Amino acid sequence: MAYQALIPLDRCRSGGGTFVPHGTSELAVFRLADPEQVVVVDNACPHAGGNLSGGEVRGGIVTCPWHHWEFDLASGRCTHSMRARVRTYPAEVRDGVVWVDLEPGR
């Protein structure tokens, strides 16, 4: 795994998502409270490209603000379709910074 620093944790919205451009990627970082963790996913909803970082989060599920598709943040799977999903990335917090592994094949 090739982790790289992404964003300071204190710049991430608690209980919700934060948009983070990274190279040619657009990521959403979710700072969750129960359990305390960070989750990093592709920011674009696969349905119509909605901004997932702007979606509401409840119970580990983010709802796309455009058409209300829901995605489980742990797996990236859509709750409405077995085939739709967003890519998730391994992430962790080190010394107050969110680190993420963006290597292909995950």
PDB file of N, CA and C in Angstrom:
ATOM      1  N   MET A   1       0.832  -1.177   0.000  1.00  0.00           N
ATOM      2  CA  MET A   1       0.000   0.000   0.000  1.00  0.00           C
ATOM      3  C   MET A   1       0.877   1.240   0.000  1.00  0.00           C
ATOM      4  N   ALA A   2       0.460   2.220  -0.784  1.00  0.00           N
ATOM      5  CA  ALA A   2       1.212   3.462  -0.886  1.00  0.00           C
ATOM      6  C   ALA A   2       0.343   4.612  -0.387  1.00  0.00           C
ATOM      7  N   TYR A   3       0.347   4.807   0.911  1.00  0.00           N
ATOM      8  CA  TYR A   3      -0.451   5.882   1.496  1.00  0.00           C
ATOM      9  C   TYR A   3       0.203   7.227   1.222  1.00  0.00           C
ATOM     10  N   GLN A   4      -0.644   8.242   1.032  1.00  0.00           N
ATOM     11  CA  GLN A   4      -0.164   9.607   0.852  1.00  0.00           C
ATOM     12  C   GLN A   4      -1.059  10.553   1.641  1.00  0.00           C
ATOM     13  N   ALA A   5      -0.455  11.644   2.101  1.00  0.00           N
ATOM     14  CA  ALA A   5      -1.199  12.638   2.867  1.00  0.00           C
ATOM     15  C   ALA A   5      -2.231  13.290   1.958  1.00  0.00           C
ATOM     16  N   LEU A   6      -3.455  13.474   2.494  1.00  0.00           N
ATOM     17  CA  LEU A   6      -4.543  14.022   1.688  1.00  0.00           C
ATOM     18  C   LEU A   6      -5.028  15.380   2.194  1.00  0.00           C
ATOM     19  N   ILE A   7      -5.396  15.456   3.484  1.00  0.00           N
ATOM     20  CA  ILE A   7      -5.981  16.685   4.021  1.00  0.00           C
ATOM     21  C   ILE A   7      -5.858  16.651   5.547  1.00  0.00           C
ATOM     22  N   PRO A   8      -5.622  17.809   6.180  1.00  0.00           N
ATOM     23  CA  PRO A   8      -5.645  17.825   7.642  1.00  0.00           C
ATOM     24  C   PRO A   8      -7.045  17.454   8.147  1.00  0.00           C
ATOM     25  N   LEU A   9      -7.099  16.648   9.184  1.00  0.00           N
ATOM     26  CA  LEU A   9      -8.374  16.194   9.725  1.00  0.00           C
ATOM     27  C   LEU A   9      -9.250  17.362  10.158  1.00  0.00           C
ATOM     28  N   ASP A  10      -8.654  18.412  10.704  1.00  0.00           N
ATOM     29  CA  ASP A  10      -9.462  19.535  11.177  1.00  0.00           C
ATOM     30  C   ASP A  10     -10.109  20.339  10.049  1.00  0.00           C
ATOM     31  N   ARG A  11      -9.757  20.053   8.791  1.00  0.00           N
ATOM     32  CA  ARG A  11     -10.408  20.683   7.642  1.00  0.00           C
ATOM     33  C   ARG A  11     -11.573  19.840   7.117  1.00  0.00           C
ATOM     34  N   CYS A  12     -11.797  18.671   7.732  1.00  0.00           N
ATOM     35  CA  CYS A  12     -12.882  17.778   7.328  1.00  0.00           C
ATOM     36  C   CYS A  12     -14.108  18.046   8.186  1.00  0.00           C
ATOM     37  N   ARG A  13     -15.240  18.162   7.528  1.00  0.00           N
ATOM     38  CA  ARG A  13     -16.503  18.445   8.220  1.00  0.00           C
ATOM     39  C   ARG A  13     -16.900  17.252   9.070  1.00  0.00           C
ATOM     40  N   SER A  14     -17.083  17.474  10.356  1.00  0.00           N
ATOM     41  CA  SER A  14     -17.474  16.404  11.269  1.00  0.00           C
ATOM     42  C   SER A  14     -18.912  15.965  10.983  1.00  0.00           C
ATOM     43  N   GLY A  15     -19.114  14.657  10.839  1.00  0.00           N
ATOM     44  CA  GLY A  15     -20.440  14.104  10.583  1.00  0.00           C
ATOM     45  C   GLY A  15     -20.881  14.216   9.139  1.00  0.00           C
ATOM     46  N   GLY A  16     -20.000  14.655   8.258  1.00  0.00           N
ATOM     47  CA  GLY A  16     -20.372  14.822   6.853  1.00  0.00           C
ATOM     48  C   GLY A  16     -19.177  14.689   5.944  1.00  0.00           C
ATOM     49  N   GLY A  17     -19.358  15.139   4.722  1.00  0.00           N
ATOM     50  CA  GLY A  17     -18.328  14.988   3.710  1.00  0.00           C
ATOM     51  C   GLY A  17     -17.605  16.281   3.393  1.00  0.00           C
ATOM     52  N   THR A  18     -16.386  16.133   2.897  1.00  0.00           N
ATOM     53  CA  THR A  18     -15.555  17.251   2.466  1.00  0.00           C
ATOM     54  C   THR A  18     -15.004  16.920   1.087  1.00  0.00           C
ATOM     55  N   PHE A  19     -15.191  17.824   0.130  1.00  0.00           N
ATOM     56  CA  PHE A  19     -14.664  17.649  -1.218  1.00  0.00           C
ATOM     57  C   PHE A  19     -13.168  17.905  -1.208  1.00  0.00           C
ATOM     58  N   VAL A  20     -12.406  16.984  -1.821  1.00  0.00           N
ATOM     59  CA  VAL A  20     -10.950  17.141  -1.892  1.00  0.00           C
ATOM     60  C   VAL A  20     -10.488  16.825  -3.316  1.00  0.00           C
ATOM     61  N   PRO A  21     -10.062  17.855  -4.070  1.00  0.00           N
ATOM     62  CA  PRO A  21      -9.454  17.561  -5.372  1.00  0.00           C
ATOM     63  C   PRO A  21      -8.048  17.014  -5.128  1.00  0.00           C
ATOM     64  N   HIS A  22      -7.672  16.001  -5.896  1.00  0.00           N
ATOM     65  CA  HIS A  22      -6.347  15.404  -5.708  1.00  0.00           C
ATOM     66  C   HIS A  22      -5.842  14.943  -7.066  1.00  0.00           C
ATOM     67  N   GLY A  23      -4.930  15.696  -7.645  1.00  0.00           N
ATOM     68  CA  GLY A  23      -4.455  15.386  -8.983  1.00  0.00           C
ATOM     69  C   GLY A  23      -5.626  15.440  -9.950  1.00  0.00           C
ATOM     70  N   THR A  24      -5.843  14.350 -10.664  1.00  0.00           N
ATOM     71  CA  THR A  24      -6.972  14.283 -11.591  1.00  0.00           C
ATOM     72  C   THR A  24      -8.206  13.666 -10.942  1.00  0.00           C
ATOM     73  N   SER A  25      -8.121  13.353  -9.667  1.00  0.00           N
ATOM     74  CA  SER A  25      -9.237  12.726  -8.952  1.00  0.00           C
ATOM     75  C   SER A  25     -10.039  13.755  -8.166  1.00  0.00           C
ATOM     76  N   GLU A  26     -11.320  13.440  -7.975  1.00  0.00           N
ATOM     77  CA  GLU A  26     -12.173  14.203  -7.074  1.00  0.00           C
ATOM     78  C   GLU A  26     -12.642  13.229  -6.006  1.00  0.00           C
ATOM     79  N   LEU A  27     -12.273  13.512  -4.763  1.00  0.00           N
ATOM     80  CA  LEU A  27     -12.561  12.606  -3.662  1.00  0.00           C
ATOM     81  C   LEU A  27     -13.512  13.251  -2.665  1.00  0.00           C
ATOM     82  N   ALA A  28     -14.185  12.407  -1.915  1.00  0.00           N
ATOM     83  CA  ALA A  28     -15.018  12.848  -0.796  1.00  0.00           C
ATOM     84  C   ALA A  28     -14.466  12.183   0.456  1.00  0.00           C
ATOM     85  N   VAL A  29     -14.158  12.992   1.455  1.00  0.00           N
ATOM     86  CA  VAL A  29     -13.675  12.479   2.731  1.00  0.00           C
ATOM     87  C   VAL A  29     -14.803  12.657   3.745  1.00  0.00           C
ATOM     88  N   PHE A  30     -15.223  11.561   4.348  1.00  0.00           N
ATOM     89  CA  PHE A  30     -16.281  11.591   5.351  1.00  0.00           C
ATOM     90  C   PHE A  30     -15.664  11.353   6.717  1.00  0.00           C
ATOM     91  N   ARG A  31     -15.932  12.279   7.622  1.00  0.00           N
ATOM     92  CA  ARG A  31     -15.435  12.190   9.000  1.00  0.00           C
ATOM     93  C   ARG A  31     -16.619  11.765   9.864  1.00  0.00           C
ATOM     94  N   LEU A  32     -16.628  10.495  10.247  1.00  0.00           N
ATOM     95  CA  LEU A  32     -17.754   9.922  10.969  1.00  0.00           C
ATOM     96  C   LEU A  32     -17.455   9.839  12.460  1.00  0.00           C
ATOM     97  N   ALA A  33     -18.524   9.892  13.255  1.00  0.00           N
ATOM     98  CA  ALA A  33     -18.357   9.932  14.709  1.00  0.00           C
ATOM     99  C   ALA A  33     -18.609   8.593  15.388  1.00  0.00           C
ATOM    100  N   ASP A  34     -19.465   7.731  14.815  1.00  0.00           N
ATOM    101  CA  ASP A  34     -19.847   6.507  15.522  1.00  0.00           C
ATOM    102  C   ASP A  34     -19.815   5.301  14.609  1.00  0.00           C
ATOM    103  N   PRO A  35     -18.707   4.569  14.540  1.00  0.00           N
ATOM    104  CA  PRO A  35     -17.461   4.792  15.280  1.00  0.00           C
ATOM    105  C   PRO A  35     -16.639   5.900  14.626  1.00  0.00           C
ATOM    106  N   GLU A  36     -15.740   6.487  15.411  1.00  0.00           N
ATOM    107  CA  GLU A  36     -14.899   7.562  14.910  1.00  0.00           C
ATOM    108  C   GLU A  36     -13.959   7.009  13.841  1.00  0.00           C
ATOM    109  N   GLN A  37     -14.096   7.554  12.630  1.00  0.00           N
ATOM    110  CA  GLN A  37     -13.287   7.085  11.506  1.00  0.00           C
ATOM    111  C   GLN A  37     -13.377   8.069  10.352  1.00  0.00           C
ATOM    112  N   VAL A  38     -12.494   7.913   9.373  1.00  0.00           N
ATOM    113  CA  VAL A  38     -12.601   8.636   8.118  1.00  0.00           C
ATOM    114  C   VAL A  38     -12.782   7.621   7.008  1.00  0.00           C
ATOM    115  N   VAL A  39     -13.597   8.004   6.028  1.00  0.00           N
ATOM    116  CA  VAL A  39     -13.862   7.166   4.867  1.00  0.00           C
ATOM    117  C   VAL A  39     -13.612   8.026   3.637  1.00  0.00           C
ATOM    118  N   VAL A  40     -12.887   7.489   2.663  1.00  0.00           N
ATOM    119  CA  VAL A  40     -12.604   8.218   1.430  1.00  0.00           C
ATOM    120  C   VAL A  40     -13.207   7.441   0.266  1.00  0.00           C
ATOM    121  N   VAL A  41     -13.992   8.150  -0.561  1.00  0.00           N
ATOM    122  CA  VAL A  41     -14.631   7.555  -1.737  1.00  0.00           C
ATOM    123  C   VAL A  41     -14.486   8.513  -2.909  1.00  0.00           C
ATOM    124  N   ASP A  42     -14.735   8.000  -4.126  1.00  0.00           N
ATOM    125  CA  ASP A  42     -14.841   8.901  -5.275  1.00  0.00           C
ATOM    126  C   ASP A  42     -16.001   9.842  -5.023  1.00  0.00           C
ATOM    127  N   ASN A  43     -15.837  11.099  -5.392  1.00  0.00           N
ATOM    128  CA  ASN A  43     -16.857  12.101  -5.087  1.00  0.00           C
ATOM    129  C   ASN A  43     -18.090  12.014  -5.987  1.00  0.00           C
ATOM    130  N   ALA A  44     -17.951  11.534  -7.204  1.00  0.00           N
ATOM    131  CA  ALA A  44     -19.056  11.540  -8.156  1.00  0.00           C
ATOM    132  C   ALA A  44     -19.970  10.334  -7.984  1.00  0.00           C
ATOM    133  N   CYS A  45     -21.262  10.603  -7.854  1.00  0.00           N
ATOM    134  CA  CYS A  45     -22.260   9.533  -7.830  1.00  0.00           C
ATOM    135  C   CYS A  45     -22.272   8.872  -9.205  1.00  0.00           C
ATOM    136  N   PRO A  46     -22.251   7.541  -9.282  1.00  0.00           N
ATOM    137  CA  PRO A  46     -22.221   6.868 -10.584  1.00  0.00           C
ATOM    138  C   PRO A  46     -23.527   7.019 -11.371  1.00  0.00           C
ATOM    139  N   HIS A  47     -24.588   7.442 -10.729  1.00  0.00           N
ATOM    140  CA  HIS A  47     -25.865   7.611 -11.421  1.00  0.00           C
ATOM    141  C   HIS A  47     -25.835   8.798 -12.370  1.00  0.00           C
ATOM    142  N   ALA A  48     -25.470   9.973 -11.862  1.00  0.00           N
ATOM    143  CA  ALA A  48     -25.486  11.168 -12.706  1.00  0.00           C
ATOM    144  C   ALA A  48     -24.387  12.161 -12.339  1.00  0.00           C
ATOM    145  N   GLY A  49     -23.388  11.707 -11.585  1.00  0.00           N
ATOM    146  CA  GLY A  49     -22.249  12.553 -11.263  1.00  0.00           C
ATOM    147  C   GLY A  49     -22.454  13.514 -10.112  1.00  0.00           C
ATOM    148  N   GLY A  50     -23.481  13.303  -9.305  1.00  0.00           N
ATOM    149  CA  GLY A  50     -23.747  14.185  -8.166  1.00  0.00           C
ATOM    150  C   GLY A  50     -22.583  14.253  -7.196  1.00  0.00           C
ATOM    151  N   ASN A  51     -22.497  15.361  -6.479  1.00  0.00           N
ATOM    152  CA  ASN A  51     -21.421  15.639  -5.533  1.00  0.00           C
ATOM    153  C   ASN A  51     -21.705  14.922  -4.204  1.00  0.00           C
ATOM    154  N   LEU A  52     -21.134  13.736  -4.014  1.00  0.00           N
ATOM    155  CA  LEU A  52     -21.414  12.961  -2.807  1.00  0.00           C
ATOM    156  C   LEU A  52     -20.932  13.646  -1.533  1.00  0.00           C
ATOM    157  N   SER A  53     -19.872  14.442  -1.626  1.00  0.00           N
ATOM    158  CA  SER A  53     -19.382  15.109  -0.413  1.00  0.00           C
ATOM    159  C   SER A  53     -20.414  16.090   0.133  1.00  0.00           C
ATOM    160  N   GLY A  54     -21.354  16.524  -0.685  1.00  0.00           N
ATOM    161  CA  GLY A  54     -22.410  17.426  -0.254  1.00  0.00           C
ATOM    162  C   GLY A  54     -23.654  16.707   0.235  1.00  0.00           C
ATOM    163  N   GLY A  55     -23.610  15.367   0.232  1.00  0.00           N
ATOM    164  CA  GLY A  55     -24.768  14.592   0.638  1.00  0.00           C
ATOM    165  C   GLY A  55     -24.911  14.464   2.144  1.00  0.00           C
ATOM    166  N   GLU A  56     -26.112  14.130   2.562  1.00  0.00           N
ATOM    167  CA  GLU A  56     -26.396  13.912   3.986  1.00  0.00           C
ATOM    168  C   GLU A  56     -25.933  12.514   4.376  1.00  0.00           C
ATOM    169  N   VAL A  57     -25.354  12.399   5.577  1.00  0.00           N
ATOM    170  CA  VAL A  57     -24.864  11.113   6.078  1.00  0.00           C
ATOM    171  C   VAL A  57     -25.674  10.721   7.306  1.00  0.00           C
ATOM    172  N   ARG A  58     -26.195   9.493   7.262  1.00  0.00           N
ATOM    173  CA  ARG A  58     -26.912   8.935   8.416  1.00  0.00           C
ATOM    174  C   ARG A  58     -26.614   7.451   8.486  1.00  0.00           C
ATOM    175  N   GLY A  59     -26.187   7.012   9.659  1.00  0.00           N
ATOM    176  CA  GLY A  59     -25.944   5.588   9.864  1.00  0.00           C
ATOM    177  C   GLY A  59     -24.965   4.968   8.891  1.00  0.00           C
ATOM    178  N   GLY A  60     -23.945   5.706   8.497  1.00  0.00           N
ATOM    179  CA  GLY A  60     -22.940   5.170   7.580  1.00  0.00           C
ATOM    180  C   GLY A  60     -23.376   5.144   6.131  1.00  0.00           C
ATOM    181  N   ILE A  61     -24.485   5.807   5.811  1.00  0.00           N
ATOM    182  CA  ILE A  61     -25.015   5.875   4.449  1.00  0.00           C
ATOM    183  C   ILE A  61     -24.987   7.334   4.006  1.00  0.00           C
ATOM    184  N   VAL A  62     -24.446   7.603   2.805  1.00  0.00           N
ATOM    185  CA  VAL A  62     -24.495   8.945   2.248  1.00  0.00           C
ATOM    186  C   VAL A  62     -25.555   8.967   1.159  1.00  0.00           C
ATOM    187  N   THR A  63     -26.355  10.037   1.152  1.00  0.00           N
ATOM    188  CA  THR A  63     -27.392  10.209   0.150  1.00  0.00           C
ATOM    189  C   THR A  63     -26.954  11.277  -0.840  1.00  0.00           C
ATOM    190  N   CYS A  64     -26.927  10.921  -2.123  1.00  0.00           N
ATOM    191  CA  CYS A  64     -26.549  11.877  -3.157  1.00  0.00           C
ATOM    192  C   CYS A  64     -27.571  13.016  -3.173  1.00  0.00           C
ATOM    193  N   PRO A  65     -27.104  14.267  -3.162  1.00  0.00           N
ATOM    194  CA  PRO A  65     -28.035  15.393  -3.121  1.00  0.00           C
ATOM    195  C   PRO A  65     -28.810  15.604  -4.422  1.00  0.00           C
ATOM    196  N   TRP A  66     -28.387  14.995  -5.522  1.00  0.00           N
ATOM    197  CA  TRP A  66     -29.075  15.213  -6.796  1.00  0.00           C
ATOM    198  C   TRP A  66     -30.335  14.360  -6.941  1.00  0.00           C
ATOM    199  N   HIS A  67     -30.194  13.043  -6.834  1.00  0.00           N
ATOM    200  CA  HIS A  67     -31.331  12.144  -7.096  1.00  0.00           C
ATOM    201  C   HIS A  67     -31.574  11.157  -5.962  1.00  0.00           C
ATOM    202  N   HIS A  68     -30.928  11.391  -4.828  1.00  0.00           N
ATOM    203  CA  HIS A  68     -31.165  10.649  -3.583  1.00  0.00           C
ATOM    204  C   HIS A  68     -30.757   9.170  -3.637  1.00  0.00           C
ATOM    205  N   TRP A  69     -29.813   8.829  -4.490  1.00  0.00           N
ATOM    206  CA  TRP A  69     -29.261   7.487  -4.424  1.00  0.00           C
ATOM    207  C   TRP A  69     -28.435   7.410  -3.147  1.00  0.00           C
ATOM    208  N   GLU A  70     -28.459   6.251  -2.493  1.00  0.00           N
ATOM    209  CA  GLU A  70     -27.764   6.073  -1.223  1.00  0.00           C
ATOM    210  C   GLU A  70     -26.629   5.068  -1.374  1.00  0.00           C
ATOM    211  N   PHE A  71     -25.512   5.360  -0.692  1.00  0.00           N
ATOM    212  CA  PHE A  71     -24.336   4.495  -0.761  1.00  0.00           C
ATOM    213  C   PHE A  71     -23.832   4.193   0.640  1.00  0.00           C
ATOM    214  N   ASP A  72     -23.563   2.925   0.880  1.00  0.00           N
ATOM    215  CA  ASP A  72     -22.966   2.481   2.137  1.00  0.00           C
ATOM    216  C   ASP A  72     -21.500   2.889   2.106  1.00  0.00           C
ATOM    217  N   LEU A  73     -21.078   3.707   3.048  1.00  0.00           N
ATOM    218  CA  LEU A  73     -19.700   4.204   3.043  1.00  0.00           C
ATOM    219  C   LEU A  73     -18.674   3.124   3.353  1.00  0.00           C
ATOM    220  N   ALA A  74     -19.070   2.072   4.022  1.00  0.00           N
ATOM    221  CA  ALA A  74     -18.124   0.992   4.338  1.00  0.00           C
ATOM    222  C   ALA A  74     -17.766   0.175   3.096  1.00  0.00           C
ATOM    223  N   SER A  75     -18.736  -0.047   2.221  1.00  0.00           N
ATOM    224  CA  SER A  75     -18.513  -0.908   1.062  1.00  0.00           C
ATOM    225  C   SER A  75     -18.540  -0.171  -0.269  1.00  0.00           C
ATOM    226  N   GLY A  76     -19.158   1.011  -0.293  1.00  0.00           N
ATOM    227  CA  GLY A  76     -19.334   1.744  -1.540  1.00  0.00           C
ATOM    228  C   GLY A  76     -20.558   1.315  -2.325  1.00  0.00           C
ATOM    229  N   ARG A  77     -21.257   0.300  -1.856  1.00  0.00           N
ATOM    230  CA  ARG A  77     -22.414  -0.229  -2.593  1.00  0.00           C
ATOM    231  C   ARG A  77     -23.639   0.658  -2.457  1.00  0.00           C
ATOM    232  N   CYS A  78     -24.385   0.734  -3.545  1.00  0.00           N
ATOM    233  CA  CYS A  78     -25.627   1.489  -3.577  1.00  0.00           C
ATOM    234  C   CYS A  78     -26.723   0.657  -2.923  1.00  0.00           C
ATOM    235  N   THR A  79     -27.581   1.300  -2.163  1.00  0.00           N
ATOM    236  CA  THR A  79     -28.682   0.582  -1.521  1.00  0.00           C
ATOM    237  C   THR A  79     -29.849   0.372  -2.486  1.00  0.00           C
ATOM    238  N   HIS A  80     -29.811   1.000  -3.671  1.00  0.00           N
ATOM    239  CA  HIS A  80     -30.899   0.907  -4.650  1.00  0.00           C
ATOM    240  C   HIS A  80     -30.600  -0.044  -5.799  1.00  0.00           C
ATOM    241  N   SER A  81     -29.355  -0.382  -6.014  1.00  0.00           N
ATOM    242  CA  SER A  81     -28.966  -1.194  -7.172  1.00  0.00           C
ATOM    243  C   SER A  81     -27.777  -2.074  -6.805  1.00  0.00           C
ATOM    244  N   MET A  82     -27.857  -3.330  -7.161  1.00  0.00           N
ATOM    245  CA  MET A  82     -26.751  -4.259  -6.885  1.00  0.00           C
ATOM    246  C   MET A  82     -25.511  -3.931  -7.730  1.00  0.00           C
ATOM    247  N   ARG A  83     -25.690  -3.257  -8.858  1.00  0.00           N
ATOM    248  CA  ARG A  83     -24.569  -2.994  -9.757  1.00  0.00           C
ATOM    249  C   ARG A  83     -23.892  -1.648  -9.531  1.00  0.00           C
ATOM    250  N   ALA A  84     -24.581  -0.704  -8.916  1.00  0.00           N
ATOM    251  CA  ALA A  84     -24.005   0.632  -8.723  1.00  0.00           C
ATOM    252  C   ALA A  84     -23.172   0.667  -7.443  1.00  0.00           C
ATOM    253  N   ARG A  85     -22.037   1.337  -7.534  1.00  0.00           N
ATOM    254  CA  ARG A  85     -21.184   1.505  -6.357  1.00  0.00           C
ATOM    255  C   ARG A  85     -20.212   2.652  -6.601  1.00  0.00           C
ATOM    256  N   VAL A  86     -19.682   3.189  -5.515  1.00  0.00           N
ATOM    257  CA  VAL A  86     -18.604   4.163  -5.608  1.00  0.00           C
ATOM    258  C   VAL A  86     -17.340   3.487  -5.088  1.00  0.00           C
ATOM    259  N   ARG A  87     -16.244   3.883  -5.646  1.00  0.00           N
ATOM    260  CA  ARG A  87     -14.976   3.298  -5.225  1.00  0.00           C
ATOM    261  C   ARG A  87     -14.591   3.851  -3.862  1.00  0.00           C
ATOM    262  N   THR A  88     -14.178   2.956  -2.973  1.00  0.00           N
ATOM    263  CA  THR A  88     -13.696   3.334  -1.652  1.00  0.00           C
ATOM    264  C   THR A  88     -12.182   3.142  -1.613  1.00  0.00           C
ATOM    265  N   TYR A  89     -11.535   3.876  -0.742  1.00  0.00           N
ATOM    266  CA  TYR A  89     -10.080   3.813  -0.630  1.00  0.00           C
ATOM    267  C   TYR A  89      -9.679   3.600   0.830  1.00  0.00           C
ATOM    268  N   PRO A  90      -8.671   2.773   1.076  1.00  0.00           N
ATOM    269  CA  PRO A  90      -8.167   2.633   2.448  1.00  0.00           C
ATOM    270  C   PRO A  90      -7.680   3.991   2.962  1.00  0.00           C
ATOM    271  N   ALA A  91      -8.106   4.337   4.172  1.00  0.00           N
ATOM    272  CA  ALA A  91      -7.724   5.630   4.745  1.00  0.00           C
ATOM    273  C   ALA A  91      -7.490   5.482   6.241  1.00  0.00           C
ATOM    274  N   GLU A  92      -6.659   6.362   6.763  1.00  0.00           N
ATOM    275  CA  GLU A  92      -6.386   6.393   8.197  1.00  0.00           C
ATOM    276  C   GLU A  92      -5.933   7.793   8.586  1.00  0.00           C
ATOM    277  N   VAL A  93      -5.976   8.056   9.867  1.00  0.00           N
ATOM    278  CA  VAL A  93      -5.524   9.349  10.391  1.00  0.00           C
ATOM    279  C   VAL A  93      -4.201   9.132  11.100  1.00  0.00           C
ATOM    280  N   ARG A  94      -3.222   9.955  10.726  1.00  0.00           N
ATOM    281  CA  ARG A  94      -1.904   9.936  11.370  1.00  0.00           C
ATOM    282  C   ARG A  94      -1.540  11.360  11.743  1.00  0.00           C
ATOM    283  N   ASP A  95      -1.294  11.590  13.012  1.00  0.00           N
ATOM    284  CA  ASP A  95      -0.858  12.905  13.495  1.00  0.00           C
ATOM    285  C   ASP A  95      -1.744  14.034  12.975  1.00  0.00           C
ATOM    286  N   GLY A  96      -3.057  13.810  12.978  1.00  0.00           N
ATOM    287  CA  GLY A  96      -3.998  14.854  12.586  1.00  0.00           C
ATOM    288  C   GLY A  96      -4.155  15.064  11.096  1.00  0.00           C
ATOM    289  N   VAL A  97      -3.647  14.132  10.293  1.00  0.00           N
ATOM    290  CA  VAL A  97      -3.752  14.230   8.832  1.00  0.00           C
ATOM    291  C   VAL A  97      -4.406  12.966   8.305  1.00  0.00           C
ATOM    292  N   VAL A  98      -5.318  13.122   7.325  1.00  0.00           N
ATOM    293  CA  VAL A  98      -5.938  11.968   6.655  1.00  0.00           C
ATOM    294  C   VAL A  98      -4.969  11.477   5.583  1.00  0.00           C
ATOM    295  N   TRP A  99      -4.643  10.201   5.658  1.00  0.00           N
ATOM    296  CA  TRP A  99      -3.787   9.541   4.672  1.00  0.00           C
ATOM    297  C   TRP A  99      -4.653   8.548   3.913  1.00  0.00           C
ATOM    298  N   VAL A 100      -4.387   8.396   2.606  1.00  0.00           N
ATOM    299  CA  VAL A 100      -5.199   7.533   1.763  1.00  0.00           C
ATOM    300  C   VAL A 100      -4.315   6.751   0.797  1.00  0.00           C
ATOM    301  N   ASP A 101      -4.749   5.537   0.474  1.00  0.00           N
ATOM    302  CA  ASP A 101      -4.067   4.704  -0.511  1.00  0.00           C
ATOM    303  C   ASP A 101      -4.901   4.743  -1.792  1.00  0.00           C
ATOM    304  N   LEU A 102      -4.390   5.402  -2.823  1.00  0.00           N
ATOM    305  CA  LEU A 102      -5.114   5.567  -4.091  1.00  0.00           C
ATOM    306  C   LEU A 102      -4.658   4.609  -5.181  1.00  0.00           C
ATOM    307  N   GLU A 103      -3.888   3.589  -4.800  1.00  0.00           N
ATOM    308  CA  GLU A 103      -3.378   2.647  -5.804  1.00  0.00           C
ATOM    309  C   GLU A 103      -4.531   1.931  -6.500  1.00  0.00           C
ATOM    310  N   PRO A 104      -4.371   1.688  -7.823  1.00  0.00           N
ATOM    311  CA  PRO A 104      -5.404   0.966  -8.562  1.00  0.00           C
ATOM    312  C   PRO A 104      -5.577  -0.456  -8.039  1.00  0.00           C
ATOM    313  N   GLY A 105      -6.727  -1.010  -8.331  1.00  0.00           N
ATOM    314  CA  GLY A 105      -6.967  -2.391  -7.962  1.00  0.00           C
ATOM    315  C   GLY A 105      -7.658  -2.572  -6.636  1.00  0.00           C
ATOM    316  N   ARG A 106      -8.080  -1.540  -6.024  1.00  0.00           N
ATOM    317  CA  ARG A 106      -8.782  -1.648  -4.743  1.00  0.00           C
ATOM    318  C   ARG A 106     -10.270  -1.646  -4.974  1.00  0.00           C
TER     319      ARG A 106
END
